């Protein structure tokens, strides 16, 4: 006995249930890695888009030029700015129809609630894109070990069935135990990257939300300063 176990041969000769479990886990792993690469690429693009818009926003002489120049579609900052400043212009135009009232009086009575809601809407739209496919990644990470465990249990059952049939040597049960352990390994290999990147992407999303909140506060401060200058 040379003590060598050919894993490939064992899997090829494995029960169809074990083969089905390994195939399912392999597909889940490929799908999770596709999500991972897609999300990494998207986060890189949105960072670049945000920085591009921020440079334009900070270097502009007035906000109307920023609005008319149209920022990068992927930029969450632009999405927030577009919705909020467009709402500000609508309020401003409506107040122009009332010559006896100034826009400062509107914001004095109603506050910045309308602009804040638009900023929040922009954040929600950005978060919908940021969180896209993360639930799928979480599901793969949480379910894969249990699918692997099912294949493991099934392989062990087959091994004990061989013992019950009269094959009492280690050579008779080794293939079943080996295929059971391989299924466990495949399940873990599928789950671990999915869980790790799910947590990583959630952490990235928190950073994006902090940045978006900071941008929103800066924008409201800018509007307030512009209203003071118009008095």
Protein backbone atom coordinates (compact mmCIF):
# COMPACT_ATOMS: atom_id res chain seq x y z
CA UNK A 1 0.00 0.00 0.00
CA UNK A 2 1.59 3.29 -1.08
CA UNK A 3 -0.72 5.46 1.06
CA UNK A 4 -1.50 7.79 -1.81
CA UNK A 5 -5.11 8.89 -2.35
CA UNK A 6 -6.01 10.18 -5.80
CA UNK A 7 -8.56 12.90 -5.02
CA UNK A 8 -9.52 13.45 -8.66
CA UNK A 9 -10.18 9.74 -9.19
CA UNK A 10 -12.17 9.56 -5.98
CA UNK A 11 -14.34 12.53 -6.99
CA UNK A 12 -14.91 11.11 -10.46
CA UNK A 13 -16.07 7.89 -8.84
CA UNK A 14 -18.08 9.68 -6.15
CA UNK A 15 -21.80 9.38 -5.62
CA UNK A 16 -23.90 11.62 -7.90
CA UNK A 17 -25.13 13.59 -4.88
CA UNK A 18 -21.56 14.48 -3.89
CA UNK A 19 -20.78 15.44 -7.49
CA UNK A 20 -23.89 17.64 -7.58
CA UNK A 21 -22.90 19.36 -4.30
CA UNK A 22 -19.36 20.05 -5.53
CA UNK A 23 -20.69 21.35 -8.85
CA UNK A 24 -23.11 23.66 -7.03
CA UNK A 25 -20.38 24.96 -4.74
CA UNK A 26 -18.05 25.51 -7.68
CA UNK A 27 -20.70 27.55 -9.50
CA UNK A 28 -21.40 29.53 -6.32
CA UNK A 29 -17.69 30.24 -5.92
CA UNK A 30 -17.35 31.44 -9.53
CA UNK A 31 -20.42 33.64 -9.12
CA UNK A 32 -19.13 35.14 -5.87
CA UNK A 33 -15.76 35.95 -7.45
CA UNK A 34 -17.54 37.57 -10.39
CA UNK A 35 -19.42 39.77 -7.90
CA UNK A 36 -16.20 40.56 -6.04
CA UNK A 37 -14.34 41.71 -9.17
CA UNK A 38 -17.38 43.68 -10.35
CA UNK A 39 -17.77 45.48 -7.02
CA UNK A 40 -14.06 46.27 -6.76
CA UNK A 41 -14.15 47.79 -10.23
CA UNK A 42 -17.29 49.79 -9.40
CA UNK A 43 -15.84 51.18 -6.17
CA UNK A 44 -12.73 52.29 -8.03
CA UNK A 45 -14.84 54.05 -10.67
CA UNK A 46 -17.09 55.78 -8.13
CA UNK A 47 -14.06 57.07 -6.19
CA UNK A 48 -12.63 58.53 -9.38
CA UNK A 49 -16.01 60.02 -10.33
CA UNK A 50 -16.45 61.59 -6.89
CA UNK A 51 -12.98 63.11 -6.98
CA UNK A 52 -13.55 64.41 -10.51
CA UNK A 53 -16.80 66.09 -9.48
CA UNK A 54 -15.31 67.41 -6.24
CA UNK A 55 -12.49 69.09 -8.16
CA UNK A 56 -15.01 70.70 -10.49
CA UNK A 57 -17.29 71.70 -7.60
CA UNK A 58 -14.55 73.27 -5.52
CA UNK A 59 -12.99 75.09 -8.47
CA UNK A 60 -16.19 76.52 -9.94
CA UNK A 61 -16.99 80.23 -9.72
CA UNK A 62 -20.71 79.53 -9.25
CA UNK A 63 -22.87 76.47 -8.72
CA UNK A 64 -24.98 76.98 -11.84
CA UNK A 65 -21.91 76.28 -13.97
CA UNK A 66 -21.39 73.04 -12.05
CA UNK A 67 -25.02 72.03 -12.61
CA UNK A 68 -24.99 72.85 -16.33
CA UNK A 69 -21.65 71.17 -16.94
CA UNK A 70 -23.16 67.86 -15.76
CA UNK A 71 -20.92 65.81 -13.51
CA UNK A 72 -20.01 62.14 -13.81
CA UNK A 73 -23.11 59.94 -13.61
CA UNK A 74 -21.40 57.52 -11.23
CA UNK A 75 -20.56 60.27 -8.73
CA UNK A 76 -22.72 60.09 -5.61
CA UNK A 77 -21.68 63.68 -4.84
CA UNK A 78 -23.02 64.84 -8.19
CA UNK A 79 -26.27 62.93 -7.64
CA UNK A 80 -26.75 64.66 -4.28
CA UNK A 81 -25.76 68.06 -5.65
CA UNK A 82 -27.96 67.74 -8.72
CA UNK A 83 -31.10 66.91 -6.75
CA UNK A 84 -30.53 69.43 -3.97
CA UNK A 85 -29.37 72.41 -5.99
CA UNK A 86 -32.10 71.84 -8.59
CA UNK A 87 -34.61 72.01 -5.72
CA UNK A 88 -32.96 75.22 -4.48
CA UNK A 89 -33.31 76.80 -7.93
CA UNK A 90 -37.00 75.82 -8.06
CA UNK A 91 -37.58 77.51 -4.69
CA UNK A 92 -35.61 80.54 -5.84
CA UNK A 93 -37.67 80.91 -9.05
CA UNK A 94 -40.94 80.55 -7.14
CA UNK A 95 -39.86 83.26 -4.70
CA UNK A 96 -39.03 85.58 -7.63
CA UNK A 97 -42.73 85.53 -8.50
CA UNK A 98 -43.40 87.10 -5.10
CA UNK A 99 -41.70 90.49 -5.17
CA UNK A 100 -42.66 91.25 -1.58
CA UNK A 101 -40.92 88.16 -0.25
CA UNK A 102 -37.27 87.15 -0.27
CA UNK A 103 -35.85 83.68 -0.48
CA UNK A 104 -34.22 84.21 2.91
CA UNK A 105 -37.71 84.44 4.42
CA UNK A 106 -38.63 81.07 2.97
CA UNK A 107 -35.64 79.35 4.53
CA UNK A 108 -36.15 81.31 7.74
CA UNK A 109 -39.67 79.87 8.03
CA UNK A 110 -39.13 76.37 6.64
CA UNK A 111 -35.43 75.76 7.22
CA UNK A 112 -33.31 73.58 4.96
CA UNK A 113 -35.67 70.60 5.11
CA UNK A 114 -36.36 70.51 1.35
CA UNK A 115 -32.67 70.53 0.49
CA UNK A 116 -31.85 67.99 3.19
CA UNK A 117 -34.48 65.62 1.83
CA UNK A 118 -33.00 65.92 -1.66
CA UNK A 119 -29.52 65.23 -0.29
CA UNK A 120 -30.89 62.20 1.53
CA UNK A 121 -32.58 60.99 -1.66
CA UNK A 122 -29.26 61.26 -3.50
CA UNK A 123 -27.56 59.26 -0.74
CA UNK A 124 -30.27 56.61 -0.92
CA UNK A 125 -29.85 56.27 -4.69
CA UNK A 126 -26.09 55.95 -4.25
CA UNK A 127 -26.51 53.37 -1.48
CA UNK A 128 -28.81 51.29 -3.67
CA UNK A 129 -25.97 50.97 -6.18
CA UNK A 130 -23.32 50.47 -3.50
CA UNK A 131 -25.27 47.67 -1.81
CA UNK A 132 -26.24 45.95 -5.06
CA UNK A 133 -25.33 42.20 -5.07
CA UNK A 134 -23.99 42.33 -1.49
CA UNK A 135 -26.95 40.32 -0.22
CA UNK A 136 -26.13 37.64 -2.81
CA UNK A 137 -22.52 37.59 -1.61
CA UNK A 138 -23.72 37.28 1.99
CA UNK A 139 -26.05 34.42 1.06
CA UNK A 140 -23.23 32.52 -0.67
CA UNK A 141 -21.00 33.02 2.35
CA UNK A 142 -23.59 31.82 4.84
CA UNK A 143 -25.13 28.95 2.88
CA UNK A 144 -22.01 27.38 1.31
CA UNK A 145 -20.72 25.74 4.53
CA UNK A 146 -24.09 24.08 5.07
CA UNK A 147 -24.22 22.81 1.50
CA UNK A 148 -20.70 21.46 2.02
CA UNK A 149 -21.78 19.90 5.29
CA UNK A 150 -24.63 18.15 3.52
CA UNK A 151 -22.17 16.66 1.03
CA UNK A 152 -19.86 15.68 3.89
CA UNK A 153 -22.61 13.88 5.76
CA UNK A 154 -23.71 12.14 2.58
CA UNK A 155 -20.15 10.94 1.89
CA UNK A 156 -19.77 9.63 5.43
CA UNK A 157 -23.09 7.80 5.14
CA UNK A 158 -21.78 6.12 1.99
CA UNK A 159 -18.63 5.12 3.86
CA UNK A 160 -20.57 3.52 6.69
CA UNK A 161 -22.79 1.83 4.14
CA UNK A 162 -19.63 0.20 2.78
CA UNK A 163 -18.77 -1.00 6.30
CA UNK A 164 -22.25 -2.40 6.72
CA UNK A 165 -21.85 -4.29 3.45
CA UNK A 166 -18.86 -6.10 4.87
CA UNK A 167 -15.94 -3.96 3.75
CA UNK A 168 -14.23 -3.54 7.09
CA UNK A 169 -10.80 -2.33 5.91
CA UNK A 170 -9.58 1.24 5.83
CA UNK A 171 -9.15 1.00 2.06
CA UNK A 172 -12.87 0.40 1.67
CA UNK A 173 -13.93 3.50 3.64
CA UNK A 174 -11.08 5.85 2.71
CA UNK A 175 -12.59 6.98 -0.61
CA UNK A 176 -15.89 7.92 1.02
CA UNK A 177 -14.16 9.78 3.88
CA UNK A 178 -11.87 11.53 1.40
CA UNK A 179 -14.71 12.73 -0.81
CA UNK A 180 -16.59 13.90 2.30
CA UNK A 181 -13.60 15.95 3.46
CA UNK A 182 -13.08 17.39 -0.02
CA UNK A 183 -16.68 18.61 -0.06
CA UNK A 184 -16.08 20.29 3.32
CA UNK A 185 -12.97 22.00 1.95
CA UNK A 186 -14.82 23.19 -1.17
CA UNK A 187 -17.63 24.57 0.97
CA UNK A 188 -15.17 26.53 3.13
CA UNK A 189 -13.20 27.71 0.10
CA UNK A 190 -16.44 29.09 -1.33
CA UNK A 191 -17.67 30.70 1.89
CA UNK A 192 -14.51 32.34 3.28
CA UNK A 193 -13.81 34.77 0.39
CA UNK A 194 -17.51 35.64 0.11
CA UNK A 195 -17.78 36.49 3.81
CA UNK A 196 -14.48 38.38 3.89
CA UNK A 197 -15.31 40.55 0.88
CA UNK A 198 -18.87 41.09 2.10
CA UNK A 199 -17.48 42.62 5.30
CA UNK A 200 -14.85 44.53 3.31
CA UNK A 201 -17.46 46.04 0.97
CA UNK A 202 -19.71 46.97 3.88
CA UNK A 203 -16.78 48.79 5.44
CA UNK A 204 -16.19 50.59 2.13
CA UNK A 205 -19.88 51.55 2.04
CA UNK A 206 -19.61 53.10 5.51
CA UNK A 207 -16.68 55.21 4.31
CA UNK A 208 -18.67 56.32 1.26
CA UNK A 209 -21.58 57.28 3.51
CA UNK A 210 -19.32 59.33 5.78
CA UNK A 211 -17.96 61.14 2.72
CA UNK A 212 -21.46 61.73 1.36
CA UNK A 213 -22.68 63.06 4.68
CA UNK A 214 -19.69 65.42 4.87
CA UNK A 215 -20.35 66.65 1.33
CA UNK A 216 -24.01 67.24 2.18
CA UNK A 217 -23.11 69.30 5.24
CA UNK A 218 -20.60 71.36 3.25
CA UNK A 219 -23.18 71.99 0.54
CA UNK A 220 -25.77 73.21 3.06
CA UNK A 221 -23.17 75.48 4.64
CA UNK A 222 -22.42 76.93 1.21
CA UNK A 223 -26.10 77.61 0.57
CA UNK A 224 -26.47 79.29 3.96
CA UNK A 225 -23.45 81.51 3.32
CA UNK A 226 -24.83 82.50 -0.10
CA UNK A 227 -28.18 83.44 1.48
CA UNK A 228 -26.43 85.61 4.04
CA UNK A 229 -24.47 87.42 1.31
CA UNK A 230 -27.70 88.19 -0.57
CA UNK A 231 -29.25 90.01 2.41
